[in-house]
Structure formats: structure tokens, C-alpha cells
Amino acid sequence: MPGDIMEKPDWNTRTGLEKNLESNMDFAEHQRIAFDALQLLEGDLAVEDNAAGNKLRQLKEAYEGNDLGDVLYISKGIHQPATNPHMQLQLKRSNSWYTFHLNVSVSSNLIQGLPEKYFHWVGVQFTAEADTFFGKVNACWPLVAALDAKSQHSRRRLSIAPKDVQHMINAIAVAKQKAQDEANRKEQARLAQQNRDKLRNTIKDLLGKGFYKFSGTKDLDQLFAGQTINATTKTGKPIKLKFEDGKIKQA
């Protein structure tokens, strides 16, 4: 079961040159990816007949067996995501330890409801390495796997766990609505200002046609607000004016 895959201390450390995690994925997501990938071991395992191949056979036996002494650990989370994405697993069988890489790839499936930049990581290949008298030997299963790194997908840059998809869909919808509300508010403010400017120009034109002299912008604002202003007629006679029903009237 997924819960049988355990955390090894420091599986997610981010310090030093060899980072153990370069992803925001939590352990539960690593656990899911590793568990789903174990299905790659079903059927015949035609791996190399060497010490590394024997490690992979040990992993297959642990996956298919029911030995409570077998414990699979995630010892390093997803790292090198842009060029060579993989995680490190370790199997403890009796008193022996076996170390593996699980190569992960950008899923080919788009996530419904999210932009193309979001994707799931999927496990696609187990690899093992072993030191022998003749040098290092390697083995992998499946022998051929599609290894797509994040950097190969310019539009797919944000990994996300399946359990977080709906939350992200909701968050994007909220952000989109907030942006739309802000755009609507700005447009309404622009139209209101446009109407105010238009009405002020109308008032100014009416004052000019009546040959009234007034102080300036402050008086226009007061008339616009429904207040009276002190002005003079073309003959210099003081007069109080107001703007009402679209007309300049004597107060």
C-alpha cells in the first residue's frame, strides 16, 4: 500500500550542493508517485544479468511479496527537475540495503480545469547501480522510457499533486473574479469621471454663453455639487447662480 513506503530522514533537505528536494511536492505526493511506479515491475523483468540487475529483482520481489521485514524508503525527493528529474528509493531487506533511482517524467496528460503549465510527475523507470570487481554496472527497467524533463515543456512548468488540483482550480477562479471585479471598478470609475468632466464642460459652456464671470474650477465643482456660487453679470452686477435641471439659474 502507499502507506508502506516510508520517509527516510533528510529526504527533503535543501542544503548543500546535492539537494534532496527541488520540488514543492510533499511526502504524500512522492509516496503516491513511487507506489504507482511499482506497477512497472509487474510481469517478466528482463533486466541485465549483473549486480545492478539483481538489485532490481530484489525490488520486484519486495513489491510482490508479503514479507513484513521489507521496507521501502524514499531517501531523496524529486530533484534535478529541469534536466534529469528523479527521486531516490532505498529498500531494506533483512540486513541488506538496495538503492534505486526512480526516473520521473512530465505526464503527457493535460489536467482538466487547469492551464497547460500545470502537470503531474509520473514515475517511468527504475535504475540501479552497483560496484563490481570490473567497475560500475547499471541496470534499468523498463529498458526504454520516455524521460521528459520540465525544461522541455515551455508551457508546462508547474508540477501539482492530484489532491491539490481542485484547490488550485478554485484559487484561479477566485483570482480571475477578483481581477474582473477590479477591472469593472476601474471602468466604472473611468466612466463616472468622464461623465463628471462632460458635465463640468457643459456648465462652463453655459456660464460662457450667459457672459457670467466666475472664479474658476472651484466654482464649477460647487455648481456641479448643487451649491450656489457668487458670480457677476456681463455688466459687473453681483449675482448668485446655481445649476439645476441642466440650466444655469439665478439662486
C-alpha atoms as a PDB file:
ATOM      1  CA  MET A   1       0.000   0.000   0.000  1.00  0.00           C
ATOM      2  CA  PRO A   2       1.153   3.604  -0.454  1.00  0.00           C
ATOM      3  CA  GLY A   3       1.381   3.958   3.321  1.00  0.00           C
ATOM      4  CA  ASP A   4       4.004   1.199   3.427  1.00  0.00           C
ATOM      5  CA  ILE A   5       6.500   3.481   1.674  1.00  0.00           C
ATOM      6  CA  MET A   6       8.351   5.305   4.424  1.00  0.00           C
ATOM      7  CA  GLU A   7      10.169   8.623   4.818  1.00  0.00           C
ATOM      8  CA  LYS A   8      13.884   8.436   5.386  1.00  0.00           C
ATOM      9  CA  PRO A   9      15.341  11.274   7.459  1.00  0.00           C
ATOM     10  CA  ASP A  10      16.537  14.208   5.362  1.00  0.00           C
ATOM     11  CA  TRP A  11      14.631  13.031   2.272  1.00  0.00           C
ATOM     12  CA  ASN A  12      13.662  16.657   1.681  1.00  0.00           C
ATOM     13  CA  THR A  13      16.707  18.661   2.751  1.00  0.00           C
ATOM     14  CA  ARG A  14      17.512  21.638   0.525  1.00  0.00           C
ATOM     15  CA  THR A  15      21.026  22.461   1.691  1.00  0.00           C
ATOM     16  CA  GLY A  16      24.386  21.789   0.102  1.00  0.00           C
ATOM     17  CA  LEU A  17      25.349  21.057  -3.484  1.00  0.00           C
ATOM     18  CA  GLU A  18      23.344  17.814  -3.584  1.00  0.00           C
ATOM     19  CA  LYS A  19      19.826  18.966  -2.781  1.00  0.00           C
ATOM     20  CA  ASN A  20      17.466  16.192  -1.770  1.00  0.00           C
ATOM     21  CA  LEU A  21      14.397  18.065  -2.953  1.00  0.00           C
ATOM     22  CA  GLU A  22      13.896  20.654  -5.680  1.00  0.00           C
ATOM     23  CA  SER A  23      10.131  20.465  -5.786  1.00  0.00           C
ATOM     24  CA  ASN A  24       7.273  21.742  -3.658  1.00  0.00           C
ATOM     25  CA  MET A  25       5.794  18.250  -3.532  1.00  0.00           C
ATOM     26  CA  ASP A  26       5.042  16.943  -0.062  1.00  0.00           C
ATOM     27  CA  PHE A  27       5.858  13.413   1.029  1.00  0.00           C
ATOM     28  CA  ALA A  28       2.351  12.094   0.329  1.00  0.00           C
ATOM     29  CA  GLU A  29       2.747  13.024  -3.344  1.00  0.00           C
ATOM     30  CA  HIS A  30       6.170  11.355  -3.537  1.00  0.00           C
ATOM     31  CA  GLN A  31       4.614   8.341  -1.876  1.00  0.00           C
ATOM     32  CA  ARG A  32       1.847   8.222  -4.498  1.00  0.00           C
ATOM     33  CA  ILE A  33       4.279   8.566  -7.408  1.00  0.00           C
ATOM     34  CA  ALA A  34       6.536   5.798  -6.057  1.00  0.00           C
ATOM     35  CA  PHE A  35       3.630   3.465  -5.338  1.00  0.00           C
ATOM     36  CA  ASP A  36       2.102   3.916  -8.789  1.00  0.00           C
ATOM     37  CA  ALA A  37       5.512   3.347 -10.395  1.00  0.00           C
ATOM     38  CA  LEU A  38       5.935  -0.033  -8.669  1.00  0.00           C
ATOM     39  CA  GLN A  39       3.415  -1.379 -11.170  1.00  0.00           C
ATOM     40  CA  LEU A  40       6.199  -1.091 -13.752  1.00  0.00           C
ATOM     41  CA  LEU A  41       7.729  -4.164 -12.084  1.00  0.00           C
ATOM     42  CA  GLU A  42       4.779  -6.424 -12.899  1.00  0.00           C
ATOM     43  CA  GLY A  43       5.364  -9.268 -15.352  1.00  0.00           C
ATOM     44  CA  ASP A  44       8.723 -10.504 -16.592  1.00  0.00           C
ATOM     45  CA  LEU A  45      11.665  -8.385 -15.543  1.00  0.00           C
ATOM     46  CA  ALA A  46      14.205  -8.742 -18.363  1.00  0.00           C
ATOM     47  CA  VAL A  47      16.937  -6.751 -16.648  1.00  0.00           C
ATOM     48  CA  GLU A  48      20.683  -7.041 -17.089  1.00  0.00           C
ATOM     49  CA  ASP A  49      22.225 -10.140 -15.508  1.00  0.00           C
ATOM     50  CA  ASN A  50      24.573  -8.294 -13.191  1.00  0.00           C
ATOM     51  CA  ALA A  51      24.717  -6.950  -9.639  1.00  0.00           C
ATOM     52  CA  ALA A  52      22.622  -3.929 -10.574  1.00  0.00           C
ATOM     53  CA  GLY A  53      20.012  -6.120 -12.249  1.00  0.00           C
ATOM     54  CA  ASN A  54      19.902  -8.228  -9.092  1.00  0.00           C
ATOM     55  CA  LYS A  55      19.014  -5.081  -7.112  1.00  0.00           C
ATOM     56  CA  LEU A  56      16.004  -4.523  -9.350  1.00  0.00           C
ATOM     57  CA  ARG A  57      14.945  -8.149  -8.926  1.00  0.00           C
ATOM     58  CA  GLN A  58      15.124  -7.660  -5.156  1.00  0.00           C
ATOM     59  CA  LEU A  59      12.808  -4.655  -5.514  1.00  0.00           C
ATOM     60  CA  LYS A  60      10.352  -6.683  -7.596  1.00  0.00           C
ATOM     61  CA  GLU A  61      10.345  -9.481  -5.020  1.00  0.00           C
ATOM     62  CA  ALA A  62       9.693  -6.990  -2.222  1.00  0.00           C
ATOM     63  CA  TYR A  63       6.860  -5.402  -4.230  1.00  0.00           C
ATOM     64  CA  GLU A  64       5.180  -8.733  -4.951  1.00  0.00           C
ATOM     65  CA  GLY A  65       5.939 -10.425  -1.624  1.00  0.00           C
ATOM     66  CA  ASN A  66       4.397 -10.148   1.811  1.00  0.00           C
ATOM     67  CA  ASP A  67       7.497 -10.036   3.973  1.00  0.00           C
ATOM     68  CA  LEU A  68       6.967  -7.549   6.788  1.00  0.00           C
ATOM     69  CA  GLY A  69      10.730  -7.217   7.012  1.00  0.00           C
ATOM     70  CA  ASP A  70      10.863  -5.485   3.645  1.00  0.00           C
ATOM     71  CA  VAL A  71      10.664  -1.707   3.980  1.00  0.00           C
ATOM     72  CA  LEU A  72      10.848   0.722   1.067  1.00  0.00           C
ATOM     73  CA  TYR A  73      12.030   4.238   1.840  1.00  0.00           C
ATOM     74  CA  ILE A  74      12.112   7.474  -0.115  1.00  0.00           C
ATOM     75  CA  SER A  75      15.586   8.787   0.680  1.00  0.00           C
ATOM     76  CA  LYS A  76      15.602  11.751  -1.733  1.00  0.00           C
ATOM     77  CA  GLY A  77      12.658  13.658  -3.140  1.00  0.00           C
ATOM     78  CA  ILE A  78      12.339  14.861  -6.725  1.00  0.00           C
ATOM     79  CA  HIS A  79      15.480  16.735  -7.739  1.00  0.00           C
ATOM     80  CA  GLN A  80      17.128  17.966 -10.948  1.00  0.00           C
ATOM     81  CA  PRO A  81      13.607  18.604 -12.297  1.00  0.00           C
ATOM     82  CA  ALA A  82      14.673  20.687 -15.283  1.00  0.00           C
ATOM     83  CA  THR A  83      17.238  18.291 -16.748  1.00  0.00           C
ATOM     84  CA  ASN A  84      17.110  14.825 -15.139  1.00  0.00           C
ATOM     85  CA  PRO A  85      14.121  14.515 -12.805  1.00  0.00           C
ATOM     86  CA  HIS A  86      14.264  11.579 -10.423  1.00  0.00           C
ATOM     87  CA  MET A  87      13.914  10.548  -6.808  1.00  0.00           C
ATOM     88  CA  GLN A  88      15.947   8.070  -4.801  1.00  0.00           C
ATOM     89  CA  LEU A  89      14.486   4.989  -3.122  1.00  0.00           C
ATOM     90  CA  GLN A  90      16.083   2.557  -0.704  1.00  0.00           C
ATOM     91  CA  LEU A  91      14.892  -0.965   0.057  1.00  0.00           C
ATOM     92  CA  LYS A  92      15.791  -2.648   3.337  1.00  0.00           C
ATOM     93  CA  ARG A  93      15.581  -6.450   3.126  1.00  0.00           C
ATOM     94  CA  SER A  94      16.806  -8.313   6.193  1.00  0.00           C
ATOM     95  CA  ASN A  95      20.188  -6.692   6.867  1.00  0.00           C
ATOM     96  CA  SER A  96      20.791  -5.533   3.292  1.00  0.00           C
ATOM     97  CA  TRP A  97      20.149  -2.149   1.692  1.00  0.00           C
ATOM     98  CA  TYR A  98      19.472  -1.580  -2.002  1.00  0.00           C
ATOM     99  CA  THR A  99      19.454   1.875  -3.566  1.00  0.00           C
ATOM    100  CA  PHE A 100      17.490   2.849  -6.692  1.00  0.00           C
ATOM    101  CA  HIS A 101      16.630   5.870  -8.772  1.00  0.00           C
ATOM    102  CA  LEU A 102      13.068   6.307  -9.892  1.00  0.00           C
ATOM    103  CA  ASN A 103      13.132   8.449 -13.018  1.00  0.00           C
ATOM    104  CA  VAL A 104      10.058  10.650 -13.270  1.00  0.00           C
ATOM    105  CA  SER A 105       8.627  12.405 -16.278  1.00  0.00           C
ATOM    106  CA  VAL A 106       6.221  15.185 -17.143  1.00  0.00           C
ATOM    107  CA  SER A 107       2.862  13.486 -17.600  1.00  0.00           C
ATOM    108  CA  SER A 108       1.595  13.543 -21.177  1.00  0.00           C
ATOM    109  CA  ASN A 109      -1.955  14.115 -19.941  1.00  0.00           C
ATOM    110  CA  LEU A 110      -3.330  17.613 -19.546  1.00  0.00           C
ATOM    111  CA  ILE A 111      -5.067  18.351 -16.255  1.00  0.00           C
ATOM    112  CA  GLN A 112      -8.730  19.165 -16.786  1.00  0.00           C
ATOM    113  CA  GLY A 113      -9.652  22.585 -15.478  1.00  0.00           C
ATOM    114  CA  LEU A 114      -6.088  23.940 -15.250  1.00  0.00           C
ATOM    115  CA  PRO A 115      -3.872  25.822 -17.732  1.00  0.00           C
ATOM    116  CA  GLU A 116      -1.315  23.808 -19.708  1.00  0.00           C
ATOM    117  CA  LYS A 117       1.533  24.988 -17.475  1.00  0.00           C
ATOM    118  CA  TYR A 118       0.367  22.600 -14.713  1.00  0.00           C
ATOM    119  CA  PHE A 119       1.320  18.916 -14.837  1.00  0.00           C
ATOM    120  CA  HIS A 120       1.720  15.778 -12.720  1.00  0.00           C
ATOM    121  CA  TRP A 121       5.008  13.951 -12.274  1.00  0.00           C
ATOM    122  CA  VAL A 122       4.822  10.222 -13.083  1.00  0.00           C
ATOM    123  CA  GLY A 123       7.378   7.501 -12.426  1.00  0.00           C
ATOM    124  CA  VAL A 124       8.583   5.895 -15.656  1.00  0.00           C
ATOM    125  CA  GLN A 125      11.763   3.893 -14.949  1.00  0.00           C
ATOM    126  CA  PHE A 126      13.743   2.282 -12.126  1.00  0.00           C
ATOM    127  CA  THR A 127      17.529   2.304 -12.345  1.00  0.00           C
ATOM    128  CA  ALA A 128      20.196   0.705 -10.171  1.00  0.00           C
ATOM    129  CA  GLU A 129      23.982   0.881  -9.993  1.00  0.00           C
ATOM    130  CA  ALA A 130      26.451  -1.478  -8.356  1.00  0.00           C
ATOM    131  CA  ASP A 131      30.203  -1.598  -7.823  1.00  0.00           C
ATOM    132  CA  THR A 132      31.917  -4.797  -9.026  1.00  0.00           C
ATOM    133  CA  PHE A 133      35.468  -6.033  -9.435  1.00  0.00           C
ATOM    134  CA  PHE A 134      35.298  -4.869 -13.052  1.00  0.00           C
ATOM    135  CA  GLY A 135      33.845  -1.442 -12.234  1.00  0.00           C
ATOM    136  CA  LYS A 136      30.374   0.012 -12.009  1.00  0.00           C
ATOM    137  CA  VAL A 137      27.455  -1.778 -13.652  1.00  0.00           C
ATOM    138  CA  ASN A 138      23.966  -0.454 -14.290  1.00  0.00           C
ATOM    139  CA  ALA A 139      20.507  -1.824 -14.922  1.00  0.00           C
ATOM    140  CA  CYS A 140      17.143  -0.265 -15.646  1.00  0.00           C
ATOM    141  CA  TRP A 141      13.519  -1.255 -16.068  1.00  0.00           C
ATOM    142  CA  PRO A 142      11.690  -0.653 -18.305  1.00  0.00           C
ATOM    143  CA  LEU A 143      14.643  -0.749 -20.689  1.00  0.00           C
ATOM    144  CA  VAL A 144      13.238   2.179 -22.668  1.00  0.00           C
ATOM    145  CA  ALA A 145      11.242   5.006 -21.110  1.00  0.00           C
ATOM    146  CA  ALA A 146      10.126   8.471 -22.133  1.00  0.00           C
ATOM    147  CA  LEU A 147      12.124  10.804 -19.901  1.00  0.00           C
ATOM    148  CA  ASP A 148      10.676  14.273 -20.298  1.00  0.00           C
ATOM    149  CA  ALA A 149      12.200  16.973 -18.119  1.00  0.00           C
ATOM    150  CA  LYS A 150      10.349  20.090 -17.076  1.00  0.00           C
ATOM    151  CA  SER A 151      12.588  22.318 -19.187  1.00  0.00           C
ATOM    152  CA  GLN A 152      11.455  20.503 -22.338  1.00  0.00           C
ATOM    153  CA  HIS A 153       7.928  21.842 -21.887  1.00  0.00           C
ATOM    154  CA  SER A 154       7.997  25.635 -22.030  1.00  0.00           C
ATOM    155  CA  ARG A 155       4.258  25.782 -21.337  1.00  0.00           C
ATOM    156  CA  ARG A 156       4.267  23.137 -18.585  1.00  0.00           C
ATOM    157  CA  ARG A 157       6.331  24.423 -15.705  1.00  0.00           C
ATOM    158  CA  LEU A 158       4.263  23.924 -12.551  1.00  0.00           C
ATOM    159  CA  SER A 159       4.025  20.485 -11.003  1.00  0.00           C
ATOM    160  CA  ILE A 160       0.971  19.838  -8.866  1.00  0.00           C
ATOM    161  CA  ALA A 161      -0.355  16.903  -6.869  1.00  0.00           C
ATOM    162  CA  PRO A 162      -3.742  15.437  -7.859  1.00  0.00           C
ATOM    163  CA  LYS A 163      -5.106  16.236  -4.406  1.00  0.00           C
ATOM    164  CA  ASP A 164      -4.319  19.928  -4.947  1.00  0.00           C
ATOM    165  CA  VAL A 165      -5.966  20.270  -8.366  1.00  0.00           C
ATOM    166  CA  GLN A 166      -9.442  21.299  -7.193  1.00  0.00           C
ATOM    167  CA  HIS A 167      -7.994  23.767  -4.698  1.00  0.00           C
ATOM    168  CA  MET A 168      -5.919  25.330  -7.494  1.00  0.00           C
ATOM    169  CA  ILE A 169      -8.948  25.459  -9.816  1.00  0.00           C
ATOM    170  CA  ASN A 170     -10.881  27.284  -7.083  1.00  0.00           C
ATOM    171  CA  ALA A 171      -7.976  29.639  -6.364  1.00  0.00           C
ATOM    172  CA  ILE A 172      -7.600  30.524 -10.047  1.00  0.00           C
ATOM    173  CA  ALA A 173     -11.356  31.167 -10.310  1.00  0.00           C
ATOM    174  CA  VAL A 174     -11.271  33.433  -7.237  1.00  0.00           C
ATOM    175  CA  ALA A 175      -8.255  35.341  -8.605  1.00  0.00           C
ATOM    176  CA  LYS A 176      -9.920  35.678 -12.006  1.00  0.00           C
ATOM    177  CA  GLN A 177     -13.130  37.006 -10.434  1.00  0.00           C
ATOM    178  CA  LYS A 178     -11.137  39.416  -8.264  1.00  0.00           C
ATOM    179  CA  ALA A 179      -9.293  40.709 -11.332  1.00  0.00           C
ATOM    180  CA  GLN A 180     -12.586  41.083 -13.204  1.00  0.00           C
ATOM    181  CA  ASP A 181     -14.167  42.934 -10.277  1.00  0.00           C
ATOM    182  CA  GLU A 182     -11.177  45.287 -10.136  1.00  0.00           C
ATOM    183  CA  ALA A 183     -11.369  45.874 -13.899  1.00  0.00           C
ATOM    184  CA  ASN A 184     -15.092  46.608 -13.587  1.00  0.00           C
ATOM    185  CA  ARG A 185     -14.458  49.009 -10.707  1.00  0.00           C
ATOM    186  CA  LYS A 186     -11.829  50.890 -12.706  1.00  0.00           C
ATOM    187  CA  GLU A 187     -14.092  51.071 -15.751  1.00  0.00           C
ATOM    188  CA  GLN A 188     -16.994  52.379 -13.672  1.00  0.00           C
ATOM    189  CA  ALA A 189     -14.696  54.980 -12.096  1.00  0.00           C
ATOM    190  CA  ARG A 190     -13.448  55.990 -15.554  1.00  0.00           C
ATOM    191  CA  LEU A 191     -16.997  56.383 -16.881  1.00  0.00           C
ATOM    192  CA  ALA A 192     -18.067  58.326 -13.798  1.00  0.00           C
ATOM    193  CA  GLN A 193     -15.097  60.674 -14.184  1.00  0.00           C
ATOM    194  CA  GLN A 194     -15.844  61.016 -17.880  1.00  0.00           C
ATOM    195  CA  ASN A 195     -19.454  61.995 -17.074  1.00  0.00           C
ATOM    196  CA  ARG A 196     -18.292  64.460 -14.426  1.00  0.00           C
ATOM    197  CA  ASP A 197     -15.848  66.086 -16.841  1.00  0.00           C
ATOM    198  CA  LYS A 198     -18.528  66.252 -19.508  1.00  0.00           C
ATOM    199  CA  LEU A 199     -20.996  67.898 -17.125  1.00  0.00           C
ATOM    200  CA  ARG A 200     -18.397  70.394 -15.904  1.00  0.00           C
ATOM    201  CA  ASN A 201     -17.694  71.369 -19.521  1.00  0.00           C
ATOM    202  CA  THR A 202     -21.437  71.785 -20.063  1.00  0.00           C
ATOM    203  CA  ILE A 203     -21.667  74.083 -17.023  1.00  0.00           C
ATOM    204  CA  LYS A 204     -18.644  76.071 -18.211  1.00  0.00           C
ATOM    205  CA  ASP A 205     -20.189  76.487 -21.671  1.00  0.00           C
ATOM    206  CA  LEU A 206     -23.468  77.707 -20.156  1.00  0.00           C
ATOM    207  CA  LEU A 207     -21.672  80.231 -17.974  1.00  0.00           C
ATOM    208  CA  GLY A 208     -19.792  81.488 -21.016  1.00  0.00           C
ATOM    209  CA  LYS A 209     -22.925  81.837 -23.087  1.00  0.00           C
ATOM    210  CA  GLY A 210     -24.515  83.843 -20.286  1.00  0.00           C
ATOM    211  CA  PHE A 211     -21.447  86.083 -20.095  1.00  0.00           C
ATOM    212  CA  TYR A 212     -21.063  85.297 -16.413  1.00  0.00           C
ATOM    213  CA  LYS A 213     -17.717  85.796 -14.742  1.00  0.00           C
ATOM    214  CA  PHE A 214     -16.746  83.295 -12.041  1.00  0.00           C
ATOM    215  CA  SER A 215     -13.661  82.299 -10.071  1.00  0.00           C
ATOM    216  CA  GLY A 216     -12.740  79.084 -11.918  1.00  0.00           C
ATOM    217  CA  THR A 217     -12.554  75.349 -11.273  1.00  0.00           C
ATOM    218  CA  LYS A 218     -13.689  75.626  -7.654  1.00  0.00           C
ATOM    219  CA  ASP A 219     -16.912  77.366  -8.737  1.00  0.00           C
ATOM    220  CA  LEU A 220     -17.508  74.705 -11.411  1.00  0.00           C
ATOM    221  CA  ASP A 221     -17.142  71.995  -8.781  1.00  0.00           C
ATOM    222  CA  GLN A 222     -19.581  73.802  -6.468  1.00  0.00           C
ATOM    223  CA  LEU A 223     -22.176  74.142  -9.206  1.00  0.00           C
ATOM    224  CA  PHE A 224     -21.653  70.517 -10.134  1.00  0.00           C
ATOM    225  CA  ALA A 225     -22.288  69.579  -6.480  1.00  0.00           C
ATOM    226  CA  GLY A 226     -25.579  71.534  -6.455  1.00  0.00           C
ATOM    227  CA  GLN A 227     -24.237  74.507  -4.491  1.00  0.00           C
ATOM    228  CA  THR A 228     -24.576  78.221  -5.308  1.00  0.00           C
ATOM    229  CA  ILE A 229     -21.695  80.435  -6.341  1.00  0.00           C
ATOM    230  CA  ASN A 230     -21.023  84.158  -6.396  1.00  0.00           C
ATOM    231  CA  ALA A 231     -20.563  85.492  -9.942  1.00  0.00           C
ATOM    232  CA  THR A 232     -21.018  88.716 -11.877  1.00  0.00           C
ATOM    233  CA  THR A 233     -23.036  89.520 -14.965  1.00  0.00           C
ATOM    234  CA  LYS A 234     -21.579  90.974 -18.143  1.00  0.00           C
ATOM    235  CA  THR A 235     -22.358  94.427 -16.704  1.00  0.00           C
ATOM    236  CA  GLY A 236     -20.453  93.639 -13.485  1.00  0.00           C
ATOM    237  CA  LYS A 237     -23.543  93.113 -11.337  1.00  0.00           C
ATOM    238  CA  PRO A 238     -23.011  90.586  -8.500  1.00  0.00           C
ATOM    239  CA  ILE A 239     -25.287  87.563  -8.773  1.00  0.00           C
ATOM    240  CA  LYS A 240     -25.721  84.161  -7.152  1.00  0.00           C
ATOM    241  CA  LEU A 241     -26.021  81.214  -9.549  1.00  0.00           C
ATOM    242  CA  LYS A 242     -26.927  77.587  -9.370  1.00  0.00           C
ATOM    243  CA  PHE A 243     -27.058  74.711 -11.832  1.00  0.00           C
ATOM    244  CA  GLU A 244     -30.433  72.989 -11.933  1.00  0.00           C
ATOM    245  CA  ASP A 245     -32.267  70.846 -14.488  1.00  0.00           C
ATOM    246  CA  GLY A 246     -29.439  71.291 -16.972  1.00  0.00           C
ATOM    247  CA  LYS A 247     -29.545  75.078 -16.822  1.00  0.00           C
ATOM    248  CA  ILE A 248     -27.741  77.960 -15.111  1.00  0.00           C
ATOM    249  CA  LYS A 249     -30.245  79.786 -12.917  1.00  0.00           C
ATOM    250  CA  GLN A 250     -30.209  82.699 -10.545  1.00  0.00           C
ATOM    251  CA  ALA A 251     -30.262  81.456  -6.975  1.00  0.00           C
END
